[in-house]
Amino acid sequence: MNEVTKDQIRESVRDNYKKVALSATDNSSCCGPTSCCSPDSDVSLQFGYSIEEIKSVPAGSNLGLGCGNPQTIAELKENEVVVDLGSGGGFDCFLASKQVGNKGKIIGVDMTPEMISKARANAHKNQYTNVEFRLGEIENLPIANDTVDVIMSNCVINLSPDKGKVFQEAYRVLKSGGRLAISDIVMTNDLPDEIRKDIQLYSGCISGSSPINELKQYLINAGFIDIQIDPKDESKEFIKDWAPGKNVDDYIVSAVIKAIKP
């Protein structure tokens, strides 16, 4: 993939999520181009969040942008520094803030200015003093080396046209012993050309997915150990609705991705 193509993909993704930030209502489902911004109170429950979690965050922060619940993967502890890649409206950041406590810190990174503005406004309005949001690309994190305990992400890395660089950056900013806690889309069968080449389906968390063995190699190349990539077949129940008529659940599934920086 040449750099022009990578930039085109980034611009398409940025434009899509700009529209989501400006128009989405709370609990909209936005992974999948045809379902984006259709109010659905059950979407976050399908991803594995509890009613209590959904009700505990600021209104407008839960945009239904996900394919799992990284909170259940991360096992966050008091005082930890946590980075959320592709933080969107701040949903996972606000949930994580309660787990790390006042002496911990949550940093959300997103490349869409409108998402950052939305998340910052919610943090300020609701007095989240241990949460901040930074504008940046997940391939070039605005974070210092060796300063982070946990990196979370929810259905975002599949949107990157340079996934190897994402994991290299994650490795760079993590402390020794730091961990990845990621929910993302993986490819289980080769995508048909009509899906793979559809830029709209890329922005919809579908055509940018990678095979499990390819993701594992990216993690190995970056230096991670104790790598686990566990597909969740039950996720097909909501994935099938992302692009009606295209049977995308035959090709992709949500997975839990975990790894450690030695």
C-alpha atoms as a PDB file:
ATOM      1  CA  MET A   1       0.000   0.000   0.000  1.00  0.00           C
ATOM      2  CA  ASN A   2       1.593   3.295  -1.055  1.00  0.00           C
ATOM      3  CA  GLU A   3       1.560   6.459   1.041  1.00  0.00           C
ATOM      4  CA  VAL A   4      -1.044   8.184  -1.143  1.00  0.00           C
ATOM      5  CA  THR A   5      -3.429   5.310  -0.581  1.00  0.00           C
ATOM      6  CA  LYS A   6      -2.734   5.376   3.165  1.00  0.00           C
ATOM      7  CA  ASP A   7      -3.508   9.091   3.298  1.00  0.00           C
ATOM      8  CA  GLN A   8      -6.709   8.567   1.327  1.00  0.00           C
ATOM      9  CA  ILE A   9      -7.812   5.928   3.813  1.00  0.00           C
ATOM     10  CA  ARG A  10      -7.008   8.172   6.791  1.00  0.00           C
ATOM     11  CA  GLU A  11      -8.963  11.051   5.277  1.00  0.00           C
ATOM     12  CA  SER A  12     -11.937   8.818   4.554  1.00  0.00           C
ATOM     13  CA  VAL A  13     -11.928   7.446   8.102  1.00  0.00           C
ATOM     14  CA  ARG A  14     -11.478  10.920   9.606  1.00  0.00           C
ATOM     15  CA  ASP A  15     -14.348  12.313   7.545  1.00  0.00           C
ATOM     16  CA  ASN A  16     -16.630   9.437   8.544  1.00  0.00           C
ATOM     17  CA  TYR A  17     -16.012   9.889  12.258  1.00  0.00           C
ATOM     18  CA  LYS A  18     -16.253  13.658  11.982  1.00  0.00           C
ATOM     19  CA  LYS A  19     -19.819  13.121  10.785  1.00  0.00           C
ATOM     20  CA  VAL A  20     -20.441  10.714  13.667  1.00  0.00           C
ATOM     21  CA  ALA A  21     -19.137  13.225  16.222  1.00  0.00           C
ATOM     22  CA  LEU A  22     -21.287  16.022  14.843  1.00  0.00           C
ATOM     23  CA  SER A  23     -24.509  14.086  14.382  1.00  0.00           C
ATOM     24  CA  ALA A  24     -24.559  10.879  16.444  1.00  0.00           C
ATOM     25  CA  THR A  25     -26.937  10.495  19.351  1.00  0.00           C
ATOM     26  CA  ASP A  26     -26.034   8.555  22.470  1.00  0.00           C
ATOM     27  CA  ASN A  27     -25.806   4.776  21.896  1.00  0.00           C
ATOM     28  CA  SER A  28     -25.701   5.067  18.107  1.00  0.00           C
ATOM     29  CA  SER A  29     -24.140   2.179  16.243  1.00  0.00           C
ATOM     30  CA  CYS A  30     -21.389   3.393  13.932  1.00  0.00           C
ATOM     31  CA  CYS A  31     -19.263   0.420  13.001  1.00  0.00           C
ATOM     32  CA  GLY A  32     -20.775  -0.498   9.688  1.00  0.00           C
ATOM     33  CA  PRO A  33     -21.744   2.093   7.092  1.00  0.00           C
ATOM     34  CA  THR A  34     -25.424   1.285   6.824  1.00  0.00           C
ATOM     35  CA  SER A  35     -26.112   1.169  10.560  1.00  0.00           C
ATOM     36  CA  CYS A  36     -24.145   4.288  11.486  1.00  0.00           C
ATOM     37  CA  CYS A  37     -26.061   6.662  13.701  1.00  0.00           C
ATOM     38  CA  SER A  38     -29.221   4.564  14.008  1.00  0.00           C
ATOM     39  CA  PRO A  39     -30.271   4.845  17.674  1.00  0.00           C
ATOM     40  CA  ASP A  40     -30.068   1.445  19.374  1.00  0.00           C
ATOM     41  CA  SER A  41     -30.120   1.224  23.154  1.00  0.00           C
ATOM     42  CA  ASP A  42     -28.961  -2.396  23.054  1.00  0.00           C
ATOM     43  CA  VAL A  43     -25.806  -1.966  20.967  1.00  0.00           C
ATOM     44  CA  SER A  44     -23.417  -1.472  23.901  1.00  0.00           C
ATOM     45  CA  LEU A  45     -24.987  -4.405  25.725  1.00  0.00           C
ATOM     46  CA  GLN A  46     -24.120  -6.543  22.688  1.00  0.00           C
ATOM     47  CA  PHE A  47     -20.506  -5.393  23.005  1.00  0.00           C
ATOM     48  CA  GLY A  48     -20.355  -6.638  26.603  1.00  0.00           C
ATOM     49  CA  TYR A  49     -20.996  -3.499  28.650  1.00  0.00           C
ATOM     50  CA  SER A  50     -23.341  -3.594  31.624  1.00  0.00           C
ATOM     51  CA  ILE A  51     -26.349  -1.351  32.137  1.00  0.00           C
ATOM     52  CA  GLU A  52     -24.516   0.184  35.096  1.00  0.00           C
ATOM     53  CA  GLU A  53     -21.504   1.068  32.934  1.00  0.00           C
ATOM     54  CA  ILE A  54     -23.660   2.570  30.205  1.00  0.00           C
ATOM     55  CA  LYS A  55     -25.563   4.730  32.699  1.00  0.00           C
ATOM     56  CA  SER A  56     -22.442   5.870  34.552  1.00  0.00           C
ATOM     57  CA  VAL A  57     -20.803   7.856  31.736  1.00  0.00           C
ATOM     58  CA  PRO A  58     -21.618  11.395  30.557  1.00  0.00           C
ATOM     59  CA  ALA A  59     -24.469  11.724  28.062  1.00  0.00           C
ATOM     60  CA  GLY A  60     -23.181  11.767  24.501  1.00  0.00           C
ATOM     61  CA  SER A  61     -19.914   9.930  25.227  1.00  0.00           C
ATOM     62  CA  ASN A  62     -21.221   6.481  24.258  1.00  0.00           C
ATOM     63  CA  LEU A  63     -21.515   6.544  20.467  1.00  0.00           C
ATOM     64  CA  GLY A  64     -21.763   2.776  19.973  1.00  0.00           C
ATOM     65  CA  LEU A  65     -18.302   2.752  18.373  1.00  0.00           C
ATOM     66  CA  GLY A  66     -16.949  -0.647  19.221  1.00  0.00           C
ATOM     67  CA  CYS A  67     -16.944  -4.416  18.895  1.00  0.00           C
ATOM     68  CA  GLY A  68     -16.270  -5.433  22.495  1.00  0.00           C
ATOM     69  CA  ASN A  69     -15.504  -4.128  25.967  1.00  0.00           C
ATOM     70  CA  PRO A  70     -11.784  -3.517  26.602  1.00  0.00           C
ATOM     71  CA  GLN A  71     -12.566  -2.801  30.260  1.00  0.00           C
ATOM     72  CA  THR A  72     -13.079  -6.517  30.831  1.00  0.00           C
ATOM     73  CA  ILE A  73      -9.719  -7.257  29.191  1.00  0.00           C
ATOM     74  CA  ALA A  74      -7.587  -4.576  30.820  1.00  0.00           C
ATOM     75  CA  GLU A  75      -8.016  -5.472  34.525  1.00  0.00           C
ATOM     76  CA  LEU A  76      -7.111  -1.902  35.441  1.00  0.00           C
ATOM     77  CA  LYS A  77      -5.594  -1.077  38.811  1.00  0.00           C
ATOM     78  CA  GLU A  78      -5.381   2.000  41.024  1.00  0.00           C
ATOM     79  CA  ASN A  79      -2.811   4.617  39.976  1.00  0.00           C
ATOM     80  CA  GLU A  80      -2.171   3.206  36.486  1.00  0.00           C
ATOM     81  CA  VAL A  81      -1.576   5.338  33.401  1.00  0.00           C
ATOM     82  CA  VAL A  82      -3.843   4.177  30.577  1.00  0.00           C
ATOM     83  CA  VAL A  83      -3.988   5.192  26.913  1.00  0.00           C
ATOM     84  CA  ASP A  84      -7.088   4.602  24.780  1.00  0.00           C
ATOM     85  CA  LEU A  85      -6.307   4.421  21.060  1.00  0.00           C
ATOM     86  CA  GLY A  86      -9.110   6.012  19.052  1.00  0.00           C
ATOM     87  CA  SER A  87     -10.961   7.346  22.076  1.00  0.00           C
ATOM     88  CA  GLY A  88     -13.945   8.780  20.175  1.00  0.00           C
ATOM     89  CA  GLY A  89     -16.466  10.416  22.501  1.00  0.00           C
ATOM     90  CA  GLY A  90     -14.533   9.210  25.550  1.00  0.00           C
ATOM     91  CA  PHE A  91     -16.768   6.320  26.638  1.00  0.00           C
ATOM     92  CA  ASP A  92     -14.012   3.859  27.574  1.00  0.00           C
ATOM     93  CA  CYS A  93     -11.849   6.636  29.034  1.00  0.00           C
ATOM     94  CA  PHE A  94     -14.587   7.739  31.423  1.00  0.00           C
ATOM     95  CA  LEU A  95     -15.184   4.155  32.531  1.00  0.00           C
ATOM     96  CA  ALA A  96     -11.453   3.595  33.050  1.00  0.00           C
ATOM     97  CA  SER A  97     -11.060   6.789  35.079  1.00  0.00           C
ATOM     98  CA  LYS A  98     -13.056   5.311  37.941  1.00  0.00           C
ATOM     99  CA  GLN A  99     -10.863   2.221  38.027  1.00  0.00           C
ATOM    100  CA  VAL A 100      -7.469   3.969  38.194  1.00  0.00           C
ATOM    101  CA  GLY A 101      -8.590   6.536  40.767  1.00  0.00           C
ATOM    102  CA  ASN A 102      -7.547  10.130  41.282  1.00  0.00           C
ATOM    103  CA  LYS A 103      -3.838   9.301  41.220  1.00  0.00           C
ATOM    104  CA  GLY A 104      -4.148   7.401  37.970  1.00  0.00           C
ATOM    105  CA  LYS A 105      -4.376   8.966  34.531  1.00  0.00           C
ATOM    106  CA  ILE A 106      -6.336   8.246  31.362  1.00  0.00           C
ATOM    107  CA  ILE A 107      -5.188   9.630  28.005  1.00  0.00           C
ATOM    108  CA  GLY A 108      -7.495   9.353  25.015  1.00  0.00           C
ATOM    109  CA  VAL A 109      -5.941   9.756  21.561  1.00  0.00           C
ATOM    110  CA  ASP A 110      -8.048  10.400  18.470  1.00  0.00           C
ATOM    111  CA  MET A 111      -7.252  11.843  15.026  1.00  0.00           C
ATOM    112  CA  THR A 112     -10.637  13.523  14.585  1.00  0.00           C
ATOM    113  CA  PRO A 113     -10.757  17.081  16.004  1.00  0.00           C
ATOM    114  CA  GLU A 114     -14.529  16.936  16.394  1.00  0.00           C
ATOM    115  CA  MET A 115     -14.254  13.802  18.534  1.00  0.00           C
ATOM    116  CA  ILE A 116     -11.580  15.396  20.702  1.00  0.00           C
ATOM    117  CA  SER A 117     -13.726  18.499  21.207  1.00  0.00           C
ATOM    118  CA  LYS A 118     -16.745  16.386  22.130  1.00  0.00           C
ATOM    119  CA  ALA A 119     -14.762  14.296  24.624  1.00  0.00           C
ATOM    120  CA  ARG A 120     -13.009  17.308  26.185  1.00  0.00           C
ATOM    121  CA  ALA A 121     -16.317  19.104  26.669  1.00  0.00           C
ATOM    122  CA  ASN A 122     -17.756  16.076  28.458  1.00  0.00           C
ATOM    123  CA  ALA A 123     -14.668  15.719  30.658  1.00  0.00           C
ATOM    124  CA  HIS A 124     -14.819  19.392  31.654  1.00  0.00           C
ATOM    125  CA  LYS A 125     -18.575  19.465  32.206  1.00  0.00           C
ATOM    126  CA  ASN A 126     -18.494  16.348  34.370  1.00  0.00           C
ATOM    127  CA  GLN A 127     -15.250  17.214  36.212  1.00  0.00           C
ATOM    128  CA  TYR A 128     -13.132  14.236  35.190  1.00  0.00           C
ATOM    129  CA  THR A 129      -9.814  15.501  36.526  1.00  0.00           C
ATOM    130  CA  ASN A 130      -7.780  12.378  35.709  1.00  0.00           C
ATOM    131  CA  VAL A 131      -8.784  12.205  32.022  1.00  0.00           C
ATOM    132  CA  GLU A 132      -7.330  14.128  29.078  1.00  0.00           C
ATOM    133  CA  PHE A 133      -7.756  13.887  25.330  1.00  0.00           C
ATOM    134  CA  ARG A 134      -4.992  14.462  22.772  1.00  0.00           C
ATOM    135  CA  LEU A 135      -5.326  14.977  19.035  1.00  0.00           C
ATOM    136  CA  GLY A 136      -3.078  12.591  17.127  1.00  0.00           C
ATOM    137  CA  GLU A 137      -2.763   9.533  14.930  1.00  0.00           C
ATOM    138  CA  ILE A 138      -2.339   6.154  16.583  1.00  0.00           C
ATOM    139  CA  GLU A 139       0.615   5.510  14.225  1.00  0.00           C
ATOM    140  CA  ASN A 140       2.362   8.550  15.768  1.00  0.00           C
ATOM    141  CA  LEU A 141       1.271   8.786  19.380  1.00  0.00           C
ATOM    142  CA  PRO A 142       1.675  12.160  21.167  1.00  0.00           C
ATOM    143  CA  ILE A 143       3.032  10.371  24.239  1.00  0.00           C
ATOM    144  CA  ALA A 144       6.515  10.009  25.725  1.00  0.00           C
ATOM    145  CA  ASN A 145       8.511   6.757  25.761  1.00  0.00           C
ATOM    146  CA  ASP A 146       8.050   4.242  28.584  1.00  0.00           C
ATOM    147  CA  THR A 147       5.301   6.135  30.425  1.00  0.00           C
ATOM    148  CA  VAL A 148       2.163   3.979  30.085  1.00  0.00           C
ATOM    149  CA  ASP A 149       0.933   0.931  32.017  1.00  0.00           C
ATOM    150  CA  VAL A 150      -1.936  -0.142  29.756  1.00  0.00           C
ATOM    151  CA  ILE A 151      -3.025   0.505  26.186  1.00  0.00           C
ATOM    152  CA  MET A 152      -6.693  -0.087  25.427  1.00  0.00           C
ATOM    153  CA  SER A 153      -8.496   0.154  22.106  1.00  0.00           C
ATOM    154  CA  ASN A 154     -11.980  -0.707  20.904  1.00  0.00           C
ATOM    155  CA  CYS A 155     -12.445  -1.522  17.208  1.00  0.00           C
ATOM    156  CA  VAL A 156      -9.964   1.101  15.977  1.00  0.00           C
ATOM    157  CA  ILE A 157      -6.694  -0.566  14.924  1.00  0.00           C
ATOM    158  CA  ASN A 158      -8.467  -2.234  11.995  1.00  0.00           C
ATOM    159  CA  LEU A 159      -9.028   1.289  10.634  1.00  0.00           C
ATOM    160  CA  SER A 160      -5.296   1.989  10.413  1.00  0.00           C
ATOM    161  CA  PRO A 161      -3.568   1.510   7.051  1.00  0.00           C
ATOM    162  CA  ASP A 162      -0.278   0.895   8.917  1.00  0.00           C
ATOM    163  CA  LYS A 163      -1.024  -1.554  11.709  1.00  0.00           C
ATOM    164  CA  GLY A 164       2.608  -2.539  12.172  1.00  0.00           C
ATOM    165  CA  LYS A 165       3.425   1.078  13.067  1.00  0.00           C
ATOM    166  CA  VAL A 166       0.518   1.177  15.538  1.00  0.00           C
ATOM    167  CA  PHE A 167       1.973  -1.725  17.498  1.00  0.00           C
ATOM    168  CA  GLN A 168       5.486  -0.275  17.313  1.00  0.00           C
ATOM    169  CA  GLU A 169       4.173   2.961  18.816  1.00  0.00           C
ATOM    170  CA  ALA A 170       2.273   1.060  21.480  1.00  0.00           C
ATOM    171  CA  TYR A 171       5.468  -0.761  22.412  1.00  0.00           C
ATOM    172  CA  ARG A 172       7.410   2.515  22.531  1.00  0.00           C
ATOM    173  CA  VAL A 173       5.116   4.265  25.005  1.00  0.00           C
ATOM    174  CA  LEU A 174       4.490   1.273  27.281  1.00  0.00           C
ATOM    175  CA  LYS A 175       6.629   0.720  30.358  1.00  0.00           C
ATOM    176  CA  SER A 176       8.401  -2.602  30.814  1.00  0.00           C
ATOM    177  CA  GLY A 177       5.674  -4.991  31.930  1.00  0.00           C
ATOM    178  CA  GLY A 178       3.007  -2.815  30.313  1.00  0.00           C
ATOM    179  CA  ARG A 179       0.156  -4.543  28.542  1.00  0.00           C
ATOM    180  CA  LEU A 180      -2.208  -4.338  25.601  1.00  0.00           C
ATOM    181  CA  ALA A 181      -5.963  -4.814  26.156  1.00  0.00           C
ATOM    182  CA  ILE A 182      -7.651  -4.562  22.782  1.00  0.00           C
ATOM    183  CA  SER A 183     -10.966  -5.491  21.254  1.00  0.00           C
ATOM    184  CA  ASP A 184     -10.809  -5.418  17.468  1.00  0.00           C
ATOM    185  CA  ILE A 185     -11.976  -6.969  14.233  1.00  0.00           C
ATOM    186  CA  VAL A 186      -9.955  -9.793  12.670  1.00  0.00           C
ATOM    187  CA  MET A 187     -10.330 -11.591   9.355  1.00  0.00           C
ATOM    188  CA  THR A 188     -11.259 -15.271   9.487  1.00  0.00           C
ATOM    189  CA  ASN A 189     -11.650 -15.811   5.717  1.00  0.00           C
ATOM    190  CA  ASP A 190     -10.349 -13.877   2.714  1.00  0.00           C
ATOM    191  CA  LEU A 191     -12.553 -10.908   1.909  1.00  0.00           C
ATOM    192  CA  PRO A 192     -14.087 -10.782  -1.574  1.00  0.00           C
ATOM    193  CA  ASP A 193     -12.649  -8.022  -3.764  1.00  0.00           C
ATOM    194  CA  GLU A 194     -15.921  -6.097  -3.722  1.00  0.00           C
ATOM    195  CA  ILE A 195     -15.660  -5.778   0.068  1.00  0.00           C
ATOM    196  CA  ARG A 196     -11.883  -5.430   0.337  1.00  0.00           C
ATOM    197  CA  LYS A 197     -11.751  -2.514  -2.125  1.00  0.00           C
ATOM    198  CA  ASP A 198     -14.764  -0.633  -0.743  1.00  0.00           C
ATOM    199  CA  ILE A 199     -13.485   2.486   1.057  1.00  0.00           C
ATOM    200  CA  GLN A 200     -16.830   2.934   2.814  1.00  0.00           C
ATOM    201  CA  LEU A 201     -16.543  -0.559   4.265  1.00  0.00           C
ATOM    202  CA  TYR A 202     -13.010   0.305   5.403  1.00  0.00           C
ATOM    203  CA  SER A 203     -14.421   3.178   7.448  1.00  0.00           C
ATOM    204  CA  GLY A 204     -17.067   0.743   8.690  1.00  0.00           C
ATOM    205  CA  CYS A 205     -14.495  -1.507  10.423  1.00  0.00           C
ATOM    206  CA  ILE A 206     -14.762  -4.253   7.804  1.00  0.00           C
ATOM    207  CA  SER A 207     -12.396  -4.158   4.836  1.00  0.00           C
ATOM    208  CA  GLY A 208      -9.375  -2.987   6.846  1.00  0.00           C
ATOM    209  CA  SER A 209      -9.321  -6.090   9.024  1.00  0.00           C
ATOM    210  CA  SER A 210      -6.267  -8.372   9.043  1.00  0.00           C
ATOM    211  CA  PRO A 211      -5.866 -12.136   9.454  1.00  0.00           C
ATOM    212  CA  ILE A 212      -4.958 -13.338  12.946  1.00  0.00           C
ATOM    213  CA  ASN A 213      -1.535 -14.645  11.897  1.00  0.00           C
ATOM    214  CA  GLU A 214      -0.702 -11.278  10.315  1.00  0.00           C
ATOM    215  CA  LEU A 215      -1.648  -9.367  13.478  1.00  0.00           C
ATOM    216  CA  LYS A 216       0.384 -11.783  15.571  1.00  0.00           C
ATOM    217  CA  GLN A 217       3.424 -11.161  13.371  1.00  0.00           C
ATOM    218  CA  TYR A 218       3.008  -7.388  13.763  1.00  0.00           C
ATOM    219  CA  LEU A 219       3.033  -7.859  17.541  1.00  0.00           C
ATOM    220  CA  ILE A 220       6.083 -10.128  17.436  1.00  0.00           C
ATOM    221  CA  ASN A 221       7.937  -7.694  15.185  1.00  0.00           C
ATOM    222  CA  ALA A 222       7.186  -4.852  17.599  1.00  0.00           C
ATOM    223  CA  GLY A 223       8.703  -6.876  20.479  1.00  0.00           C
ATOM    224  CA  PHE A 224       5.639  -8.044  22.415  1.00  0.00           C
ATOM    225  CA  ILE A 225       5.486 -11.361  24.264  1.00  0.00           C
ATOM    226  CA  ASP A 226       2.672 -13.488  25.762  1.00  0.00           C
ATOM    227  CA  ILE A 227       0.527 -12.692  22.734  1.00  0.00           C
ATOM    228  CA  GLN A 228      -3.096 -13.850  22.764  1.00  0.00           C
ATOM    229  CA  ILE A 229      -5.621 -13.308  19.970  1.00  0.00           C
ATOM    230  CA  ASP A 230      -8.939 -14.928  20.824  1.00  0.00           C
ATOM    231  CA  PRO A 231     -11.818 -14.676  18.290  1.00  0.00           C
ATOM    232  CA  LYS A 232     -15.312 -14.259  19.705  1.00  0.00           C
ATOM    233  CA  ASP A 233     -17.780 -16.092  17.474  1.00  0.00           C
ATOM    234  CA  GLU A 234     -20.740 -14.610  19.329  1.00  0.00           C
ATOM    235  CA  SER A 235     -19.820 -11.219  17.849  1.00  0.00           C
ATOM    236  CA  LYS A 236     -21.185 -12.394  14.497  1.00  0.00           C
ATOM    237  CA  GLU A 237     -24.658 -11.649  15.873  1.00  0.00           C
ATOM    238  CA  PHE A 238     -24.057  -7.896  15.642  1.00  0.00           C
ATOM    239  CA  ILE A 239     -21.448  -7.905  12.859  1.00  0.00           C
ATOM    240  CA  LYS A 240     -23.935  -9.392  10.399  1.00  0.00           C
ATOM    241  CA  ASP A 241     -25.931  -6.142  10.574  1.00  0.00           C
ATOM    242  CA  TRP A 242     -23.003  -3.874   9.690  1.00  0.00           C
ATOM    243  CA  ALA A 243     -23.434  -4.332   5.929  1.00  0.00           C
ATOM    244  CA  PRO A 244     -26.762  -6.046   5.196  1.00  0.00           C
ATOM    245  CA  GLY A 245     -26.730  -8.348   2.212  1.00  0.00           C
ATOM    246  CA  LYS A 246     -22.943  -8.754   2.100  1.00  0.00           C
ATOM    247  CA  ASN A 247     -22.624 -11.616   4.641  1.00  0.00           C
ATOM    248  CA  VAL A 248     -19.627  -9.930   6.273  1.00  0.00           C
ATOM    249  CA  ASP A 249     -19.926 -12.216   9.295  1.00  0.00           C
ATOM    250  CA  ASP A 250     -18.597 -15.002   7.031  1.00  0.00           C
ATOM    251  CA  TYR A 251     -15.268 -13.157   6.864  1.00  0.00           C
ATOM    252  CA  ILE A 252     -14.700 -11.169  10.056  1.00  0.00           C
ATOM    253  CA  VAL A 253     -15.202 -11.514  13.792  1.00  0.00           C
ATOM    254  CA  SER A 254     -14.386  -9.525  16.912  1.00  0.00           C
ATOM    255  CA  ALA A 255     -11.379 -10.718  18.909  1.00  0.00           C
ATOM    256  CA  VAL A 256      -9.657 -10.077  22.222  1.00  0.00           C
ATOM    257  CA  ILE A 257      -6.008  -9.119  21.722  1.00  0.00           C
ATOM    258  CA  LYS A 258      -3.579  -9.170  24.638  1.00  0.00           C
ATOM    259  CA  ALA A 259       0.203  -8.866  24.852  1.00  0.00           C
ATOM    260  CA  ILE A 260       2.980  -7.766  27.209  1.00  0.00           C
ATOM    261  CA  LYS A 261       6.023  -5.550  26.745  1.00  0.00           C
ATOM    262  CA  PRO A 262       8.926  -7.422  28.408  1.00  0.00           C
END
